[in-house]
Protein backbone atom coordinates (compact mmCIF):
# COMPACT_ATOMS: atom_id res chain seq x y z
CA MET A 1 19.64 -12.37 -46.94
CA LYS A 2 19.90 -8.94 -46.98
CA ARG A 3 21.46 -6.94 -44.25
CA LYS A 4 19.73 -5.82 -41.74
CA TYR A 5 20.33 -2.51 -39.40
CA TYR A 6 19.35 -2.21 -35.76
CA LEU A 7 19.61 1.39 -34.67
CA ILE A 8 19.47 1.92 -30.84
CA ASP A 9 18.20 4.68 -29.20
CA THR A 10 20.07 3.60 -25.48
CA GLU A 11 18.64 7.29 -24.29
CA ASN A 12 15.28 6.28 -24.53
CA VAL A 13 15.15 2.00 -24.18
CA GLY A 14 18.19 1.99 -21.54
CA ASP A 15 19.75 -1.51 -21.58
CA ARG A 16 16.52 -3.40 -22.77
CA TRP A 17 18.06 -4.58 -26.48
CA TYR A 18 20.99 -6.19 -24.94
CA LYS A 19 19.08 -9.72 -25.94
CA LEU A 20 19.33 -8.52 -29.48
CA ILE A 21 22.66 -9.18 -29.38
CA GLU A 22 22.29 -13.25 -28.95
CA LYS A 23 20.14 -12.89 -31.95
CA LEU A 24 21.95 -10.99 -34.66
CA GLN A 25 22.48 -13.09 -38.04
CA LYS A 26 25.69 -13.29 -39.44
CA LYS A 27 25.12 -10.05 -42.04
CA ASP A 28 23.24 -7.92 -39.24
CA ARG A 29 24.78 -5.09 -37.54
CA VAL A 30 23.98 -2.76 -34.49
CA ILE A 31 24.67 0.24 -34.35
CA SER A 32 24.20 1.73 -30.60
CA PHE A 33 23.79 5.59 -29.72
CA TYR A 34 24.65 6.57 -26.50
CA THR A 35 25.34 10.08 -24.40
CA GLN A 36 27.68 10.75 -21.33
CA ASN A 37 24.36 9.74 -19.30
CA HIS A 38 24.54 6.10 -20.09
CA SER A 39 24.36 3.62 -17.25
CA LYS A 40 27.07 1.44 -16.15
CA ARG A 41 25.52 -1.78 -16.80
CA MET A 42 25.99 -0.37 -20.60
CA GLU A 43 29.47 0.44 -20.20
CA LYS A 44 30.30 -2.95 -19.35
CA CYS A 45 28.64 -4.36 -22.21
CA LEU A 46 30.68 -1.97 -24.52
CA PHE A 47 33.63 -3.28 -22.63
CA LYS A 48 32.42 -6.73 -23.54
CA GLN A 49 31.41 -6.37 -26.78
CA VAL A 50 34.00 -3.65 -27.77
CA HIS A 51 35.53 -6.28 -30.28
CA ASN A 52 32.05 -7.49 -31.69
CA ASN A 53 32.20 -6.34 -35.24
CA LYS A 54 28.45 -6.89 -35.84
CA ILE A 55 28.30 -3.40 -33.28
CA LEU A 56 29.37 -0.01 -33.55
CA TRP A 57 29.09 2.30 -30.51
CA ILE A 58 28.61 6.15 -31.46
CA GLU A 59 28.40 8.63 -28.69
CA CYS A 60 26.49 11.63 -29.08
CA THR A 61 26.44 14.68 -27.68
CA ALA A 62 23.46 15.12 -24.84
CA GLY A 63 20.95 17.46 -24.90
CA SER A 64 17.60 17.51 -25.83
CA ASN A 65 16.32 15.24 -28.65
CA ALA A 66 20.08 15.64 -30.09
CA LEU A 67 20.48 11.96 -29.67
CA ASP A 68 17.48 11.59 -31.89
CA TYR A 69 18.88 13.95 -34.80
CA GLN A 70 21.93 12.26 -34.59
CA LEU A 71 20.32 8.66 -35.11
CA ILE A 72 18.41 10.09 -37.97
CA GLY A 73 21.26 11.24 -39.60
CA VAL A 74 23.25 8.24 -39.64
CA LEU A 75 19.81 6.32 -40.79
CA SER A 76 19.49 8.52 -43.48
CA TYR A 77 23.32 7.96 -44.68
CA LEU A 78 22.60 4.14 -44.35
CA ILE A 79 19.90 4.39 -46.57
CA ALA A 80 21.81 6.37 -49.35
CA LYS A 81 24.06 3.85 -48.97
CA HIS A 82 22.27 0.62 -48.52
CA PRO A 83 19.01 1.03 -49.90
CA LYS A 84 18.53 -2.80 -50.43
CA SER A 85 19.15 -3.32 -46.66
CA SER A 86 16.49 -3.86 -43.83
CA PHE A 87 16.44 -1.06 -40.82
CA CYS A 88 14.96 -1.14 -37.64
CA ILE A 89 14.80 1.54 -34.95
CA TYR A 90 14.60 0.07 -31.25
CA SER A 91 13.23 3.05 -29.32
CA ASN A 92 9.71 3.85 -27.29
CA ASP A 93 9.92 7.37 -28.81
CA LYS A 94 6.72 8.42 -30.70
CA ASP A 95 8.94 11.39 -33.05
CA TYR A 96 10.42 8.55 -35.11
CA LYS A 97 7.21 7.57 -36.40
CA SER A 98 7.44 10.22 -39.38
CA THR A 99 11.04 9.27 -40.16
CA VAL A 100 9.72 5.67 -40.31
CA ASP A 101 6.40 6.65 -41.97
CA PHE A 102 8.62 8.92 -44.68
CA TRP A 103 11.15 6.05 -45.96
CA GLN A 104 8.25 3.15 -45.87
CA SER A 105 6.83 5.52 -48.22
CA GLN A 106 10.15 5.70 -50.20
CA GLY A 107 10.06 1.79 -51.06
CA VAL A 108 12.57 1.57 -47.52
CA ASP A 109 12.36 -1.81 -45.77
CA ILE A 110 12.26 0.22 -42.04
CA SER A 111 10.21 -0.39 -39.11
CA GLN A 112 9.99 0.80 -35.45
CA LYS A 113 10.72 -1.67 -32.11
CA GLU A 114 9.03 -0.44 -28.92
CA PHE A 115 9.32 -2.39 -25.42
CA GLU A 116 7.26 -2.72 -22.42
CA VAL A 117 8.83 -0.41 -20.14
CA THR A 118 10.21 -3.05 -17.53
CA LYS A 119 11.18 0.11 -15.26
CA ASN A 120 7.21 0.96 -15.11
CA LYS A 121 6.78 -2.24 -13.10
CA LYS A 122 9.59 -1.04 -10.65
CA SER A 123 7.89 2.10 -10.65
CA LYS A 124 4.73 0.52 -10.02
CA GLN A 125 6.54 -1.73 -7.42
CA LYS A 126 7.98 1.31 -5.65
CA LYS A 127 4.44 3.08 -5.97
CA THR A 128 2.72 0.49 -4.32
CA GLU A 129 5.22 -0.05 -1.51
CA GLN A 130 4.69 3.92 -1.05
CA ASN A 131 1.08 3.77 -1.15
CA LYS A 132 1.12 0.75 1.57
CA VAL A 133 3.35 3.16 3.51
CA GLU A 134 0.94 6.19 2.80
CA LYS A 135 -1.96 3.85 4.05
CA GLN A 136 -0.23 2.35 7.43
CA GLU A 137 0.65 6.25 8.26
CA ILE A 138 -3.04 7.38 7.43
CA GLN A 139 -4.07 4.24 9.37
CA ASP A 140 -1.61 5.05 12.15
CA LYS A 141 -3.23 8.74 12.16
CA VAL A 142 -6.44 7.50 12.40
CA ILE A 143 -5.80 5.53 15.56
CA ILE A 144 -3.70 8.05 17.37
CA ASP A 145 -6.41 10.38 16.88
CA GLY A 146 -8.95 8.21 17.76
CA ILE A 147 -7.47 7.21 21.32
CA ALA A 148 -6.79 10.57 21.72
CA SER A 149 -10.64 11.24 21.35
CA ILE A 150 -11.59 8.79 23.39
CA LYS A 151 -9.25 9.85 26.19
CA GLU A 152 -10.59 13.05 25.60
CA ARG A 153 -14.42 12.07 25.81
CA LEU A 154 -14.33 9.21 28.80
CA CYS A 155 -11.38 11.05 30.80
CA HIS A 156 -13.88 13.80 32.95
CA GLY A 157 -16.13 11.78 34.74
CA LYS A 158 -18.42 8.97 34.88
CA LEU A 159 -20.48 9.28 31.89
CA LYS A 160 -24.33 9.90 32.28
CA GLU A 161 -26.73 6.75 31.01
CA THR A 162 -27.75 8.12 27.52
CA GLN A 163 -23.70 8.83 26.53
CA CYS A 164 -22.61 5.67 28.10
CA ILE A 165 -25.12 3.71 25.78
CA GLU A 166 -23.62 5.71 22.53
CA GLU A 167 -20.35 5.05 23.11
CA ILE A 168 -21.40 1.17 23.35
CA ALA A 169 -22.63 1.68 20.16
CA LYS A 170 -19.45 2.70 18.42
CA SER A 171 -18.00 -0.52 19.40
CA ILE A 172 -20.89 -3.40 19.36
CA PRO A 173 -23.15 -3.42 16.31
CA THR A 174 -27.05 -3.15 17.32
CA SER A 175 -27.97 -6.10 15.66
CA GLU A 176 -25.92 -8.37 18.29
CA LEU A 177 -28.89 -8.41 20.86
CA VAL A 178 -27.61 -11.54 22.90
CA THR A 179 -24.51 -8.98 23.72
CA TRP A 180 -26.51 -6.01 24.13
CA TYR A 181 -28.26 -7.77 26.92
CA HIS A 182 -24.83 -8.84 28.44
CA VAL A 183 -23.21 -5.43 28.23
CA TYR A 184 -26.29 -3.97 29.56
CA THR A 185 -26.91 -6.36 32.72
CA ALA A 186 -23.27 -6.14 33.54
CA ILE A 187 -22.86 -2.23 33.82
CA PHE A 188 -26.14 -1.23 34.74
CA GLY A 189 -27.18 -3.76 37.21
CA GLN A 190 -29.28 -6.76 36.42
CA LYS A 191 -32.70 -4.82 36.87
CA ASN A 192 -31.87 -1.44 35.35
CA GLY A 193 -30.08 -3.30 32.70
CA ARG A 194 -32.66 -5.59 31.98
CA ASN A 195 -35.17 -2.52 31.59
CA LEU A 196 -32.87 -0.65 29.56
CA TYR A 197 -32.15 -3.81 27.03
CA LEU A 198 -36.09 -4.30 26.80
CA GLU A 199 -36.58 -0.90 25.45
CA PHE A 200 -33.65 -1.10 23.03
CA LYS A 201 -34.87 -4.21 21.90
CA SER A 202 -38.17 -2.87 21.23
CA ASN A 203 -37.55 0.22 19.29
CA ALA A 204 -36.21 -0.46 15.74
CA GLN A 205 -35.97 3.56 15.50
CA MET A 206 -33.64 3.79 18.62
CA ARG A 207 -31.58 0.89 17.34
CA GLU A 208 -31.25 2.79 13.59
CA LYS A 209 -30.10 5.88 15.73
CA LEU A 210 -27.32 3.99 17.49
CA SER A 211 -26.17 1.88 14.79
CA LYS A 212 -24.96 5.43 12.85
CA TYR A 213 -22.43 5.47 15.69
CA TYR A 214 -20.70 2.65 15.11
CA ASN A 215 -16.89 2.89 14.05
CA GLU A 216 -15.51 0.74 11.25
CA ASN A 217 -11.90 0.78 12.90
CA LYS A 218 -11.62 -2.86 14.88
CA TYR A 219 -8.48 -1.40 16.95
CA LEU A 220 -10.92 1.79 17.92
CA ARG A 221 -13.75 -0.32 18.70
CA GLY A 222 -12.08 -2.56 21.16
CA VAL A 223 -10.16 0.40 22.75
CA ASN A 224 -13.34 2.33 23.27
CA PHE A 225 -15.26 -0.37 24.99
CA VAL A 226 -12.54 -1.24 27.53
CA ALA A 227 -12.71 2.70 27.88
CA VAL A 228 -16.39 2.72 28.73
CA ILE A 229 -15.72 -0.17 31.14
CA LEU A 230 -13.11 1.87 33.14
CA ASN A 231 -15.36 4.83 33.28
CA GLN A 232 -17.90 3.23 34.50
CA SER A 233 -16.01 1.54 37.00
CA GLY A 234 -14.43 5.05 38.12
CA LEU A 235 -11.12 3.58 37.02
CA ASP A 236 -8.14 5.27 34.72
CA VAL A 237 -9.46 5.40 31.11
CA LYS A 238 -6.01 6.16 29.94
CA LYS A 239 -5.14 2.69 30.93
CA ALA A 240 -8.18 1.37 28.28
CA GLU A 241 -5.58 1.04 25.41
CA GLU A 242 -2.95 -1.37 27.36
CA ALA A 243 -5.66 -3.65 29.04
CA TYR A 244 -7.30 -4.20 25.44
CA LYS A 245 -3.62 -5.34 24.19
CA ILE A 246 -3.28 -7.65 26.83
CA ILE A 247 -6.74 -9.32 26.54
CA LYS A 248 -6.50 -9.41 22.51
CA SER A 249 -3.15 -11.35 22.96
CA HIS A 250 -4.66 -13.90 24.59
CA SER A 251 -7.60 -16.38 23.87
CA HIS A 252 -10.30 -15.33 25.90
CA LYS A 253 -10.31 -18.96 27.58
CA ASP A 254 -6.76 -17.98 29.14
CA LEU A 255 -8.08 -15.97 32.33
CA ASN A 256 -4.58 -16.88 34.40
CA ASN A 257 -2.64 -15.64 31.55
CA ILE A 258 -4.31 -12.79 31.42
CA LYS A 259 -5.19 -12.26 34.89
CA ASN A 260 -0.84 -12.55 35.70
CA LYS A 261 -0.45 -9.66 32.58
CA PHE A 262 -2.67 -7.66 34.23
CA ASP A 263 -1.10 -8.09 37.50
CA GLU A 264 2.03 -7.26 35.75
CA LYS A 265 1.00 -3.87 34.36
CA PHE A 266 -1.19 -2.78 36.76
CA GLY A 267 -0.21 -4.34 40.24
CA LYS A 268 -0.48 -7.32 41.99
CA LYS A 269 -2.05 -6.09 45.38
CA PRO A 270 -5.27 -7.38 46.06
CA PRO A 271 -7.73 -6.57 44.46
CA GLN A 272 -7.22 -6.77 41.09
CA ILE A 273 -9.41 -4.08 40.45
CA TYR A 274 -8.89 -3.32 36.40
CA TYR A 275 -8.93 -7.30 35.80
CA SER A 276 -11.70 -7.96 37.95
CA LYS A 277 -13.62 -5.01 36.46
CA LEU A 278 -12.68 -6.18 32.86
CA LYS A 279 -13.27 -9.96 33.50
CA PRO A 280 -16.74 -10.12 32.64
CA PHE A 281 -16.53 -8.75 29.45
CA ILE A 282 -13.31 -10.70 28.42
CA LYS A 283 -14.80 -13.05 25.79
CA ILE A 284 -16.61 -9.54 24.33
CA ILE A 285 -13.88 -7.83 23.77
CA SER A 286 -11.87 -10.51 22.48
CA THR A 287 -14.48 -10.61 19.68
CA ILE A 288 -14.87 -7.22 18.79
């Protein structure tokens, strides 16, 4: 069996060649080229393998392509000294290809071993985590800006009927006719609300126009709907987000606990105006 020389470009492959040590045959030799910028793990490996006569450690001058030139110089020496041996360069550096091609054309048994870049996994994981953080920051900004917009639109007096309907359309799909009937009659009164609903139901063009107001952000839909109810009730729209959080943190059937939380947040003195105004809409709010 002929000897095989493994020339390791640690500046390129880092510590990914260590498993090779366990697979070395009796005549195999490893030449590890490293610089002062080597990793701590490599230093530990060097101390551990310092007496292993199958491994030669060569410290190279650091610099652009400096290690590559020194590795090629040693490779040329070994080929001249042991032309019948086998050689393998451990590196992902494509610049070694011309060297490998040249010696292969001269009949030398030489190859290059490349590694799947495991640090890319860490990079991808880090990038994924960074993307999640950035995505969350974007979502948070959307909500912050959205809440500010709701307050700006609804905090300056009671909305007109058409404005109110447009705001409702931001929270409830126009396809949910039963929900619209309930909202119309609860906000505008039984008679007026029913007339508005019949117009809404029969006018497909109106529903199509209103559907364009629908907000894709679930949280903003919920807060906006609560804000509309508070606006129409003459209450403080700025409390809409707090009220929405209370309702969403309970089952819509758990009215006692919802009422108690409203009492804690907005005061117990009767009448519990915020709870009483929102109570008819709690089931709707919980499903938005």
